[in-house]
Amino acid sequence: MSRTIKVLLAEDQSMVREALAALLGLEEDIEVVAQVARGDEVLAAARAHEVDVALLDIEMPGATGIEAAARLQRELPALKVVVLTTFGRPGYLRSAMEAGAAAFLVKDAPASQLAEAVRKVLAGERVIDPTLAAAALADGANPLTEREREVLRAAADGATNAELAATLHLSQGTVRNYLSTAIQKLAVRNRAEAVRMAREKGWL
């Protein structure tokens, strides 16, 4: 019989995490050997349990699943990463692939598809939700620079330019320039619309 695939589950919602663990536990060749609720716990757990595949949610406390994927890629390059998300946003798909993820699936995919994705990535294949892949191609690359994303993220809660400047250690003029450029690139009218569009695309 083939070797059991050791899986790490990283998901901050305990009910979702336990349901995924139970579903994967029904597969004869897959064993969930570690579960964490925070993105900054992923690397240590993966090392401690010598896992083969890490299933990562995107939005977690401590670090996002994409940040955790990038750390795993740097520190444990042989480990395969599957990103699972409720948010089927094309920008997330691009970011996950750039971070080294081998698969990107939405959480409402059938359990059999998830188990098959685990097997496929271990065999060296990539697995991407086809609808998301098409949307990512249609949307094109993220037009925002890292600095523009940083300023938009900080502006999301309605902070003034002066507050943003203090938080980001920039001048108010520089903050205004970043916001203005982001608004122009996204072809929207104001910073609130820029934040909303960038979030919907998964670019923040």
N, C-alpha and C. Protein backbone atom coordinates (compact mmCIF):
# COMPACT_ATOMS: atom_id res chain seq x y z
N MET A 1 0.84 -1.20 0.00
CA MET A 1 0.00 0.00 0.00
C MET A 1 0.88 1.25 0.00
N SER A 2 0.41 2.30 -0.68
CA SER A 2 1.20 3.53 -0.78
C SER A 2 1.27 4.24 0.57
N ARG A 3 2.27 5.07 0.71
CA ARG A 3 2.51 5.80 1.95
C ARG A 3 1.36 6.78 2.23
N THR A 4 1.04 6.94 3.52
CA THR A 4 0.00 7.90 3.92
C THR A 4 0.51 9.33 3.73
N ILE A 5 -0.33 10.18 3.17
CA ILE A 5 0.02 11.59 2.95
C ILE A 5 -0.30 12.36 4.23
N LYS A 6 0.72 13.00 4.80
CA LYS A 6 0.53 13.75 6.05
C LYS A 6 0.17 15.21 5.72
N VAL A 7 -0.96 15.64 6.29
CA VAL A 7 -1.52 16.95 5.95
C VAL A 7 -1.61 17.86 7.17
N LEU A 8 -1.29 19.13 6.95
CA LEU A 8 -1.49 20.18 7.94
C LEU A 8 -2.67 21.04 7.49
N LEU A 9 -3.58 21.32 8.42
CA LEU A 9 -4.73 22.18 8.13
C LEU A 9 -4.58 23.50 8.87
N ALA A 10 -4.60 24.62 8.17
CA ALA A 10 -4.54 25.94 8.80
C ALA A 10 -5.82 26.69 8.43
N GLU A 11 -6.67 26.89 9.43
CA GLU A 11 -7.98 27.51 9.22
C GLU A 11 -8.42 28.09 10.56
N ASP A 12 -8.78 29.37 10.59
CA ASP A 12 -9.09 30.00 11.88
C ASP A 12 -10.50 29.69 12.39
N GLN A 13 -11.39 29.23 11.54
CA GLN A 13 -12.74 28.87 12.00
C GLN A 13 -12.76 27.40 12.39
N SER A 14 -12.92 27.15 13.67
CA SER A 14 -12.76 25.77 14.18
C SER A 14 -13.76 24.80 13.56
N MET A 15 -15.00 25.23 13.32
CA MET A 15 -15.98 24.31 12.74
C MET A 15 -15.59 23.90 11.32
N VAL A 16 -15.11 24.87 10.56
CA VAL A 16 -14.68 24.58 9.18
C VAL A 16 -13.46 23.67 9.21
N ARG A 17 -12.51 23.99 10.10
CA ARG A 17 -11.28 23.19 10.20
C ARG A 17 -11.60 21.74 10.57
N GLU A 18 -12.46 21.57 11.57
CA GLU A 18 -12.81 20.22 12.01
C GLU A 18 -13.58 19.45 10.94
N ALA A 19 -14.43 20.16 10.20
CA ALA A 19 -15.18 19.50 9.12
C ALA A 19 -14.23 19.04 8.01
N LEU A 20 -13.27 19.91 7.65
CA LEU A 20 -12.29 19.53 6.63
C LEU A 20 -11.45 18.34 7.09
N ALA A 21 -11.05 18.37 8.37
CA ALA A 21 -10.25 17.27 8.91
C ALA A 21 -11.03 15.96 8.88
N ALA A 22 -12.32 16.04 9.22
CA ALA A 22 -13.16 14.83 9.22
C ALA A 22 -13.34 14.29 7.81
N LEU A 23 -13.55 15.18 6.85
CA LEU A 23 -13.73 14.74 5.47
C LEU A 23 -12.46 14.10 4.92
N LEU A 24 -11.32 14.74 5.16
CA LEU A 24 -10.06 14.18 4.67
C LEU A 24 -9.71 12.88 5.40
N GLY A 25 -10.15 12.79 6.67
CA GLY A 25 -9.88 11.58 7.45
C GLY A 25 -10.58 10.33 6.90
N LEU A 26 -11.58 10.55 6.05
CA LEU A 26 -12.28 9.42 5.43
C LEU A 26 -11.47 8.78 4.31
N GLU A 27 -10.45 9.51 3.86
CA GLU A 27 -9.60 8.98 2.77
C GLU A 27 -8.54 8.05 3.35
N GLU A 28 -8.40 6.87 2.75
CA GLU A 28 -7.48 5.86 3.29
C GLU A 28 -6.02 6.29 3.25
N ASP A 29 -5.67 7.12 2.26
CA ASP A 29 -4.25 7.47 2.08
C ASP A 29 -3.90 8.86 2.60
N ILE A 30 -4.83 9.52 3.32
CA ILE A 30 -4.57 10.88 3.81
C ILE A 30 -4.80 10.92 5.32
N GLU A 31 -3.87 11.56 6.04
CA GLU A 31 -4.02 11.73 7.49
C GLU A 31 -3.73 13.18 7.86
N VAL A 32 -4.68 13.83 8.54
CA VAL A 32 -4.46 15.19 9.04
C VAL A 32 -3.68 15.06 10.35
N VAL A 33 -2.41 15.42 10.33
CA VAL A 33 -1.53 15.22 11.49
C VAL A 33 -1.37 16.48 12.34
N ALA A 34 -1.80 17.64 11.80
CA ALA A 34 -1.66 18.89 12.55
C ALA A 34 -2.74 19.87 12.11
N GLN A 35 -3.24 20.65 13.10
CA GLN A 35 -4.21 21.69 12.81
C GLN A 35 -3.80 22.96 13.56
N VAL A 36 -3.85 24.10 12.86
CA VAL A 36 -3.56 25.38 13.51
C VAL A 36 -4.63 26.38 13.10
N ALA A 37 -4.78 27.43 13.93
CA ALA A 37 -5.80 28.44 13.67
C ALA A 37 -5.20 29.78 13.28
N ARG A 38 -3.86 29.84 13.24
CA ARG A 38 -3.17 31.09 12.93
C ARG A 38 -2.13 30.88 11.84
N GLY A 39 -2.00 31.92 10.99
CA GLY A 39 -1.03 31.82 9.91
C GLY A 39 0.41 31.79 10.39
N ASP A 40 0.67 32.45 11.54
CA ASP A 40 2.05 32.48 12.04
C ASP A 40 2.45 31.21 12.79
N GLU A 41 1.53 30.23 12.86
CA GLU A 41 1.84 28.94 13.50
C GLU A 41 2.11 27.85 12.46
N VAL A 42 1.93 28.20 11.19
CA VAL A 42 2.00 27.19 10.12
C VAL A 42 3.39 26.57 9.99
N LEU A 43 4.41 27.40 9.90
CA LEU A 43 5.76 26.90 9.64
C LEU A 43 6.24 25.96 10.75
N ALA A 44 6.05 26.35 12.01
CA ALA A 44 6.50 25.51 13.13
C ALA A 44 5.76 24.18 13.14
N ALA A 45 4.46 24.20 12.87
CA ALA A 45 3.68 22.96 12.87
C ALA A 45 4.09 22.06 11.71
N ALA A 46 4.35 22.67 10.56
CA ALA A 46 4.78 21.88 9.39
C ALA A 46 6.10 21.19 9.67
N ARG A 47 7.02 21.91 10.32
CA ARG A 47 8.32 21.33 10.67
C ARG A 47 8.16 20.21 11.69
N ALA A 48 7.39 20.49 12.75
CA ALA A 48 7.26 19.54 13.86
C ALA A 48 6.64 18.22 13.41
N HIS A 49 5.71 18.28 12.47
CA HIS A 49 4.99 17.07 12.07
C HIS A 49 5.46 16.50 10.73
N GLU A 50 6.47 17.17 10.12
CA GLU A 50 7.02 16.70 8.85
C GLU A 50 5.92 16.41 7.82
N VAL A 51 5.08 17.41 7.59
CA VAL A 51 3.93 17.21 6.72
C VAL A 51 4.34 17.23 5.25
N ASP A 52 3.50 16.60 4.45
CA ASP A 52 3.72 16.56 3.00
C ASP A 52 2.99 17.69 2.29
N VAL A 53 1.78 17.99 2.79
CA VAL A 53 0.91 18.99 2.15
C VAL A 53 0.31 19.89 3.23
N ALA A 54 0.31 21.20 2.98
CA ALA A 54 -0.33 22.14 3.89
C ALA A 54 -1.54 22.74 3.19
N LEU A 55 -2.70 22.65 3.85
CA LEU A 55 -3.92 23.28 3.34
C LEU A 55 -4.11 24.58 4.10
N LEU A 56 -4.06 25.70 3.42
CA LEU A 56 -4.06 27.00 4.07
C LEU A 56 -5.27 27.84 3.67
N ASP A 57 -5.97 28.35 4.68
CA ASP A 57 -7.00 29.36 4.44
C ASP A 57 -6.28 30.67 4.14
N ILE A 58 -6.92 31.61 3.46
CA ILE A 58 -6.24 32.88 3.16
C ILE A 58 -6.31 33.83 4.34
N GLU A 59 -7.50 34.06 4.86
CA GLU A 59 -7.65 35.08 5.90
C GLU A 59 -7.56 34.45 7.29
N MET A 60 -6.41 34.63 7.93
CA MET A 60 -6.17 34.10 9.28
C MET A 60 -5.46 35.16 10.11
N PRO A 61 -5.60 35.12 11.43
CA PRO A 61 -4.81 36.02 12.28
C PRO A 61 -3.34 35.62 12.26
N GLY A 62 -2.47 36.59 12.57
CA GLY A 62 -1.04 36.29 12.64
C GLY A 62 -0.33 36.45 11.32
N ALA A 63 -0.87 35.84 10.28
CA ALA A 63 -0.34 35.94 8.92
C ALA A 63 -1.38 35.37 7.97
N THR A 64 -1.45 35.90 6.78
CA THR A 64 -2.40 35.35 5.81
C THR A 64 -1.88 34.00 5.29
N GLY A 65 -2.77 33.25 4.67
CA GLY A 65 -2.35 31.99 4.08
C GLY A 65 -1.32 32.20 2.97
N ILE A 66 -1.42 33.33 2.28
CA ILE A 66 -0.45 33.62 1.21
C ILE A 66 0.92 33.91 1.81
N GLU A 67 0.95 34.66 2.92
CA GLU A 67 2.22 34.92 3.60
C GLU A 67 2.82 33.62 4.14
N ALA A 68 1.94 32.78 4.70
CA ALA A 68 2.41 31.48 5.23
C ALA A 68 2.94 30.60 4.11
N ALA A 69 2.28 30.63 2.95
CA ALA A 69 2.73 29.85 1.80
C ALA A 69 4.13 30.28 1.36
N ALA A 70 4.36 31.59 1.35
CA ALA A 70 5.67 32.11 0.95
C ALA A 70 6.76 31.66 1.93
N ARG A 71 6.44 31.64 3.22
CA ARG A 71 7.42 31.17 4.22
C ARG A 71 7.72 29.69 4.04
N LEU A 72 6.68 28.91 3.80
CA LEU A 72 6.89 27.48 3.59
C LEU A 72 7.75 27.23 2.35
N GLN A 73 7.50 28.01 1.32
CA GLN A 73 8.27 27.86 0.07
C GLN A 73 9.75 28.13 0.32
N ARG A 74 10.03 29.14 1.15
CA ARG A 74 11.42 29.49 1.45
C ARG A 74 12.09 28.45 2.36
N GLU A 75 11.37 28.04 3.41
CA GLU A 75 11.96 27.20 4.45
C GLU A 75 11.83 25.69 4.19
N LEU A 76 10.71 25.29 3.58
CA LEU A 76 10.46 23.86 3.33
C LEU A 76 10.00 23.68 1.88
N PRO A 77 10.88 23.91 0.93
CA PRO A 77 10.47 23.92 -0.48
C PRO A 77 9.88 22.62 -1.00
N ALA A 78 10.15 21.51 -0.35
CA ALA A 78 9.59 20.23 -0.82
C ALA A 78 8.12 20.08 -0.43
N LEU A 79 7.69 20.83 0.56
CA LEU A 79 6.31 20.74 1.02
C LEU A 79 5.38 21.39 -0.01
N LYS A 80 4.23 20.77 -0.25
CA LYS A 80 3.28 21.29 -1.23
C LYS A 80 2.18 22.08 -0.51
N VAL A 81 1.77 23.19 -1.10
CA VAL A 81 0.76 24.06 -0.49
C VAL A 81 -0.50 24.09 -1.34
N VAL A 82 -1.64 23.88 -0.66
CA VAL A 82 -2.95 24.04 -1.28
C VAL A 82 -3.64 25.20 -0.57
N VAL A 83 -4.01 26.23 -1.31
CA VAL A 83 -4.72 27.37 -0.71
C VAL A 83 -6.21 27.17 -0.90
N LEU A 84 -6.93 27.28 0.22
CA LEU A 84 -8.39 27.14 0.22
C LEU A 84 -8.99 28.48 0.61
N THR A 85 -10.00 28.92 -0.09
CA THR A 85 -10.58 30.20 0.27
C THR A 85 -12.07 30.26 0.04
N THR A 86 -12.72 31.06 0.86
CA THR A 86 -14.14 31.38 0.64
C THR A 86 -14.24 32.42 -0.45
N PHE A 87 -13.17 33.21 -0.58
CA PHE A 87 -13.18 34.35 -1.49
C PHE A 87 -12.57 33.98 -2.83
N GLY A 88 -13.40 33.76 -3.82
CA GLY A 88 -12.92 33.40 -5.14
C GLY A 88 -12.48 34.62 -5.92
N ARG A 89 -11.39 35.27 -5.46
CA ARG A 89 -10.94 36.51 -6.10
C ARG A 89 -9.70 36.24 -6.95
N PRO A 90 -9.74 36.68 -8.19
CA PRO A 90 -8.61 36.40 -9.10
C PRO A 90 -7.26 36.87 -8.57
N GLY A 91 -7.25 38.04 -7.90
CA GLY A 91 -5.98 38.55 -7.37
C GLY A 91 -5.38 37.63 -6.33
N TYR A 92 -6.25 36.99 -5.53
CA TYR A 92 -5.76 36.03 -4.54
C TYR A 92 -5.09 34.85 -5.23
N LEU A 93 -5.68 34.42 -6.34
CA LEU A 93 -5.10 33.29 -7.08
C LEU A 93 -3.70 33.64 -7.55
N ARG A 94 -3.54 34.81 -8.15
CA ARG A 94 -2.21 35.22 -8.62
C ARG A 94 -1.22 35.29 -7.46
N SER A 95 -1.65 35.91 -6.36
CA SER A 95 -0.76 36.06 -5.20
C SER A 95 -0.36 34.70 -4.64
N ALA A 96 -1.32 33.78 -4.59
CA ALA A 96 -1.03 32.44 -4.06
C ALA A 96 -0.04 31.70 -4.94
N MET A 97 -0.21 31.80 -6.25
CA MET A 97 0.71 31.13 -7.17
C MET A 97 2.12 31.73 -7.07
N GLU A 98 2.17 33.07 -6.94
CA GLU A 98 3.47 33.74 -6.81
C GLU A 98 4.16 33.35 -5.50
N ALA A 99 3.35 33.02 -4.48
CA ALA A 99 3.91 32.63 -3.18
C ALA A 99 4.33 31.16 -3.16
N GLY A 100 4.06 30.44 -4.25
CA GLY A 100 4.51 29.06 -4.34
C GLY A 100 3.45 28.00 -4.13
N ALA A 101 2.17 28.42 -4.05
CA ALA A 101 1.09 27.43 -3.87
C ALA A 101 0.99 26.55 -5.11
N ALA A 102 0.72 25.28 -4.89
CA ALA A 102 0.57 24.34 -6.01
C ALA A 102 -0.89 24.15 -6.40
N ALA A 103 -1.81 24.58 -5.52
CA ALA A 103 -3.23 24.44 -5.82
C ALA A 103 -4.01 25.58 -5.18
N PHE A 104 -5.11 25.94 -5.81
CA PHE A 104 -5.97 27.01 -5.31
C PHE A 104 -7.41 26.58 -5.54
N LEU A 105 -8.14 26.36 -4.44
CA LEU A 105 -9.52 25.88 -4.53
C LEU A 105 -10.43 26.71 -3.63
N VAL A 106 -11.69 26.83 -4.04
CA VAL A 106 -12.66 27.48 -3.18
C VAL A 106 -13.28 26.43 -2.25
N LYS A 107 -13.70 26.89 -1.06
CA LYS A 107 -14.13 25.95 -0.03
C LYS A 107 -15.41 25.18 -0.35
N ASP A 108 -16.20 25.70 -1.29
CA ASP A 108 -17.43 24.96 -1.59
C ASP A 108 -17.21 23.88 -2.65
N ALA A 109 -15.95 23.62 -2.99
CA ALA A 109 -15.65 22.50 -3.90
C ALA A 109 -15.97 21.18 -3.19
N PRO A 110 -16.34 20.14 -3.93
CA PRO A 110 -16.63 18.85 -3.30
C PRO A 110 -15.41 18.29 -2.55
N ALA A 111 -15.68 17.55 -1.47
CA ALA A 111 -14.59 16.98 -0.66
C ALA A 111 -13.69 16.08 -1.50
N SER A 112 -14.29 15.35 -2.44
CA SER A 112 -13.50 14.44 -3.28
C SER A 112 -12.49 15.22 -4.12
N GLN A 113 -12.87 16.44 -4.52
CA GLN A 113 -11.98 17.29 -5.32
C GLN A 113 -10.78 17.75 -4.48
N LEU A 114 -11.04 18.02 -3.19
CA LEU A 114 -9.96 18.45 -2.30
C LEU A 114 -8.97 17.31 -2.09
N ALA A 115 -9.48 16.11 -1.82
CA ALA A 115 -8.61 14.96 -1.61
C ALA A 115 -7.78 14.67 -2.86
N GLU A 116 -8.42 14.81 -4.01
CA GLU A 116 -7.72 14.57 -5.27
C GLU A 116 -6.64 15.62 -5.50
N ALA A 117 -6.93 16.87 -5.09
CA ALA A 117 -5.95 17.94 -5.22
C ALA A 117 -4.72 17.65 -4.37
N VAL A 118 -4.93 17.12 -3.17
CA VAL A 118 -3.82 16.76 -2.27
C VAL A 118 -2.93 15.72 -2.95
N ARG A 119 -3.54 14.74 -3.56
CA ARG A 119 -2.77 13.68 -4.24
C ARG A 119 -2.03 14.25 -5.46
N LYS A 120 -2.70 15.10 -6.20
CA LYS A 120 -2.11 15.62 -7.43
C LYS A 120 -0.91 16.52 -7.15
N VAL A 121 -1.02 17.41 -6.14
CA VAL A 121 0.12 18.30 -5.87
C VAL A 121 1.33 17.52 -5.39
N LEU A 122 1.07 16.44 -4.67
CA LEU A 122 2.17 15.61 -4.20
C LEU A 122 2.86 14.91 -5.37
N ALA A 123 2.09 14.69 -6.43
CA ALA A 123 2.64 14.06 -7.65
C ALA A 123 3.27 15.10 -8.58
N GLY A 124 3.31 16.36 -8.14
CA GLY A 124 3.96 17.39 -8.94
C GLY A 124 3.05 18.18 -9.85
N GLU A 125 1.73 17.98 -9.73
CA GLU A 125 0.79 18.70 -10.59
C GLU A 125 0.31 19.98 -9.91
N ARG A 126 -0.27 20.86 -10.73
CA ARG A 126 -0.93 22.06 -10.21
C ARG A 126 -2.43 21.89 -10.37
N VAL A 127 -3.17 22.38 -9.38
CA VAL A 127 -4.63 22.27 -9.43
C VAL A 127 -5.22 23.65 -9.16
N ILE A 128 -5.93 24.18 -10.13
CA ILE A 128 -6.51 25.52 -9.99
C ILE A 128 -7.98 25.48 -10.38
N ASP A 129 -8.81 26.09 -9.54
CA ASP A 129 -10.23 26.20 -9.85
C ASP A 129 -10.37 26.85 -11.24
N PRO A 130 -11.00 26.16 -12.20
CA PRO A 130 -11.02 26.66 -13.59
C PRO A 130 -11.72 28.00 -13.76
N THR A 131 -12.79 28.22 -13.00
CA THR A 131 -13.51 29.50 -13.10
C THR A 131 -12.62 30.65 -12.65
N LEU A 132 -11.89 30.42 -11.56
CA LEU A 132 -10.99 31.45 -11.05
C LEU A 132 -9.83 31.69 -12.01
N ALA A 133 -9.33 30.63 -12.60
CA ALA A 133 -8.22 30.77 -13.54
C ALA A 133 -8.64 31.65 -14.72
N ALA A 134 -9.84 31.44 -15.23
CA ALA A 134 -10.34 32.24 -16.35
C ALA A 134 -10.51 33.70 -15.93
N ALA A 135 -11.03 33.91 -14.72
CA ALA A 135 -11.23 35.28 -14.22
C ALA A 135 -9.89 36.00 -14.03
N ALA A 136 -8.90 35.26 -13.54
CA ALA A 136 -7.57 35.86 -13.31
C ALA A 136 -6.95 36.30 -14.64
N LEU A 137 -7.13 35.49 -15.67
CA LEU A 137 -6.60 35.84 -16.99
C LEU A 137 -7.32 37.07 -17.53
N ALA A 138 -8.63 37.11 -17.31
CA ALA A 138 -9.42 38.24 -17.82
C ALA A 138 -9.06 39.54 -17.10
N ASP A 139 -8.80 39.44 -15.81
CA ASP A 139 -8.51 40.63 -15.01
C ASP A 139 -7.11 41.19 -15.24
N GLY A 140 -6.19 40.33 -15.62
CA GLY A 140 -4.82 40.76 -15.80
C GLY A 140 -4.10 40.89 -14.47
N ALA A 141 -2.88 41.37 -14.52
CA ALA A 141 -2.05 41.46 -13.33
C ALA A 141 -2.48 42.63 -12.45
N ASN A 142 -2.13 42.54 -11.18
CA ASN A 142 -2.38 43.61 -10.22
C ASN A 142 -1.59 44.86 -10.65
N PRO A 143 -2.29 45.98 -10.94
CA PRO A 143 -1.57 47.17 -11.40
C PRO A 143 -0.93 47.99 -10.28
N LEU A 144 -1.27 47.65 -9.03
CA LEU A 144 -0.80 48.46 -7.91
C LEU A 144 0.58 48.02 -7.44
N THR A 145 1.41 48.98 -7.09
CA THR A 145 2.71 48.66 -6.50
C THR A 145 2.51 48.25 -5.04
N GLU A 146 3.54 47.68 -4.43
CA GLU A 146 3.45 47.28 -3.02
C GLU A 146 3.16 48.49 -2.13
N ARG A 147 3.80 49.63 -2.41
CA ARG A 147 3.57 50.84 -1.63
C ARG A 147 2.13 51.34 -1.77
N GLU A 148 1.60 51.30 -2.99
CA GLU A 148 0.21 51.73 -3.22
C GLU A 148 -0.76 50.81 -2.47
N ARG A 149 -0.47 49.53 -2.47
CA ARG A 149 -1.32 48.59 -1.72
C ARG A 149 -1.25 48.88 -0.23
N GLU A 150 -0.04 49.16 0.24
CA GLU A 150 0.15 49.45 1.67
C GLU A 150 -0.66 50.67 2.09
N VAL A 151 -0.62 51.72 1.28
CA VAL A 151 -1.35 52.95 1.61
C VAL A 151 -2.86 52.71 1.54
N LEU A 152 -3.32 51.97 0.53
CA LEU A 152 -4.76 51.68 0.43
C LEU A 152 -5.24 50.84 1.61
N ARG A 153 -4.45 49.85 2.00
CA ARG A 153 -4.83 49.03 3.17
C ARG A 153 -4.97 49.91 4.41
N ALA A 154 -4.01 50.81 4.59
CA ALA A 154 -4.04 51.70 5.76
C ALA A 154 -5.21 52.68 5.68
N ALA A 155 -5.63 53.03 4.47
CA ALA A 155 -6.71 53.99 4.29
C ALA A 155 -8.10 53.36 4.42
N ALA A 156 -8.14 52.04 4.50
CA ALA A 156 -9.42 51.33 4.47
C ALA A 156 -10.35 51.69 5.62
N ASP A 157 -9.79 52.09 6.78
CA ASP A 157 -10.66 52.41 7.92
C ASP A 157 -10.99 53.90 8.01
N GLY A 158 -10.70 54.64 6.92
CA GLY A 158 -11.09 56.04 6.87
C GLY A 158 -10.11 57.02 7.47
N ALA A 159 -8.87 56.64 7.67
CA ALA A 159 -7.86 57.53 8.25
C ALA A 159 -7.61 58.74 7.34
N THR A 160 -7.28 59.88 7.95
CA THR A 160 -6.95 61.07 7.17
C THR A 160 -5.55 60.93 6.59
N ASN A 161 -5.22 61.81 5.65
CA ASN A 161 -3.87 61.78 5.08
C ASN A 161 -2.81 61.99 6.15
N ALA A 162 -3.10 62.87 7.10
CA ALA A 162 -2.14 63.14 8.18
C ALA A 162 -1.93 61.89 9.03
N GLU A 163 -3.02 61.18 9.32
CA GLU A 163 -2.92 59.94 10.11
C GLU A 163 -2.18 58.86 9.34
N LEU A 164 -2.47 58.77 8.04
CA LEU A 164 -1.76 57.79 7.20
C LEU A 164 -0.27 58.10 7.16
N ALA A 165 0.06 59.37 7.02
CA ALA A 165 1.46 59.77 6.95
C ALA A 165 2.20 59.39 8.23
N ALA A 166 1.54 59.62 9.37
CA ALA A 166 2.16 59.27 10.66
C ALA A 166 2.32 57.77 10.81
N THR A 167 1.29 57.03 10.43
CA THR A 167 1.32 55.56 10.56
C THR A 167 2.38 54.93 9.67
N LEU A 168 2.48 55.44 8.44
CA LEU A 168 3.37 54.82 7.45
C LEU A 168 4.75 55.48 7.38
N HIS A 169 4.94 56.51 8.22
CA HIS A 169 6.23 57.23 8.23
C HIS A 169 6.56 57.82 6.86
N LEU A 170 5.55 58.46 6.28
CA LEU A 170 5.70 59.13 5.00
C LEU A 170 5.23 60.57 5.14
N SER A 171 5.56 61.41 4.18
CA SER A 171 5.02 62.77 4.20
C SER A 171 3.58 62.73 3.68
N GLN A 172 2.80 63.77 4.04
CA GLN A 172 1.41 63.82 3.56
C GLN A 172 1.36 63.91 2.04
N GLY A 173 2.31 64.63 1.46
CA GLY A 173 2.36 64.74 0.00
C GLY A 173 2.59 63.40 -0.67
N THR A 174 3.46 62.59 -0.08
CA THR A 174 3.73 61.25 -0.62
C THR A 174 2.49 60.37 -0.52
N VAL A 175 1.80 60.44 0.61
CA VAL A 175 0.56 59.68 0.80
C VAL A 175 -0.46 60.08 -0.27
N ARG A 176 -0.62 61.41 -0.47
CA ARG A 176 -1.56 61.90 -1.49
C ARG A 176 -1.19 61.37 -2.87
N ASN A 177 0.09 61.37 -3.17
CA ASN A 177 0.54 60.88 -4.49
C ASN A 177 0.22 59.41 -4.69
N TYR A 178 0.49 58.59 -3.66
CA TYR A 178 0.19 57.15 -3.76
C TYR A 178 -1.31 56.92 -3.95
N LEU A 179 -2.12 57.63 -3.17
CA LEU A 179 -3.58 57.46 -3.28
C LEU A 179 -4.07 57.91 -4.65
N SER A 180 -3.56 59.05 -5.12
CA SER A 180 -3.97 59.58 -6.41
C SER A 180 -3.61 58.61 -7.54
N THR A 181 -2.40 58.07 -7.48
CA THR A 181 -1.97 57.11 -8.52
C THR A 181 -2.82 55.86 -8.50
N ALA A 182 -3.11 55.34 -7.30
CA ALA A 182 -3.95 54.14 -7.18
C ALA A 182 -5.35 54.39 -7.74
N ILE A 183 -5.91 55.57 -7.43
CA ILE A 183 -7.26 55.92 -7.92
C ILE A 183 -7.26 55.99 -9.45
N GLN A 184 -6.22 56.59 -10.01
CA GLN A 184 -6.11 56.68 -11.47
C GLN A 184 -5.97 55.30 -12.12
N LYS A 185 -5.11 54.47 -11.55
CA LYS A 185 -4.88 53.13 -12.11
C LYS A 185 -6.16 52.29 -12.10
N LEU A 186 -6.96 52.44 -11.05
CA LEU A 186 -8.18 51.64 -10.92
C LEU A 186 -9.38 52.30 -11.59
N ALA A 187 -9.17 53.52 -12.11
CA ALA A 187 -10.23 54.24 -12.82
C ALA A 187 -11.49 54.41 -11.97
N VAL A 188 -11.26 54.82 -10.72
CA VAL A 188 -12.39 55.08 -9.80
C VAL A 188 -12.34 56.55 -9.38
N ARG A 189 -13.33 56.96 -8.58
CA ARG A 189 -13.47 58.39 -8.26
C ARG A 189 -12.77 58.81 -6.97
N ASN A 190 -12.62 57.88 -6.04
CA ASN A 190 -12.06 58.27 -4.74
C ASN A 190 -11.40 57.08 -4.05
N ARG A 191 -10.81 57.36 -2.89
CA ARG A 191 -10.05 56.30 -2.20
C ARG A 191 -10.96 55.17 -1.72
N ALA A 192 -12.19 55.49 -1.30
CA ALA A 192 -13.11 54.44 -0.82
C ALA A 192 -13.41 53.45 -1.95
N GLU A 193 -13.65 53.98 -3.15
CA GLU A 193 -13.90 53.10 -4.30
C GLU A 193 -12.64 52.31 -4.66
N ALA A 194 -11.49 52.94 -4.51
CA ALA A 194 -10.23 52.24 -4.81
C ALA A 194 -10.02 51.07 -3.86
N VAL A 195 -10.28 51.29 -2.57
CA VAL A 195 -10.16 50.22 -1.57
C VAL A 195 -11.13 49.09 -1.89
N ARG A 196 -12.38 49.47 -2.19
CA ARG A 196 -13.40 48.45 -2.46
C ARG A 196 -13.04 47.61 -3.69
N MET A 197 -12.64 48.27 -4.77
CA MET A 197 -12.30 47.53 -5.99
C MET A 197 -11.08 46.63 -5.77
N ALA A 198 -10.05 47.19 -5.12
CA ALA A 198 -8.82 46.40 -4.89
C ALA A 198 -9.13 45.17 -4.04
N ARG A 199 -10.02 45.32 -3.06
CA ARG A 199 -10.40 44.17 -2.22
C ARG A 199 -11.17 43.14 -3.04
N GLU A 200 -12.11 43.61 -3.85
CA GLU A 200 -12.92 42.68 -4.66
C GLU A 200 -12.05 41.88 -5.62
N LYS A 201 -11.00 42.51 -6.13
CA LYS A 201 -10.10 41.83 -7.06
C LYS A 201 -9.09 40.93 -6.33
N GLY A 202 -9.00 41.10 -5.00
CA GLY A 202 -8.00 40.35 -4.25
C GLY A 202 -6.61 40.95 -4.40
N TRP A 203 -6.55 42.27 -4.65
CA TRP A 203 -5.26 42.92 -4.86
C TRP A 203 -4.68 43.54 -3.60
N LEU A 204 -5.45 43.55 -2.51
CA LEU A 204 -4.90 44.10 -1.25
C LEU A 204 -4.41 42.99 -0.36
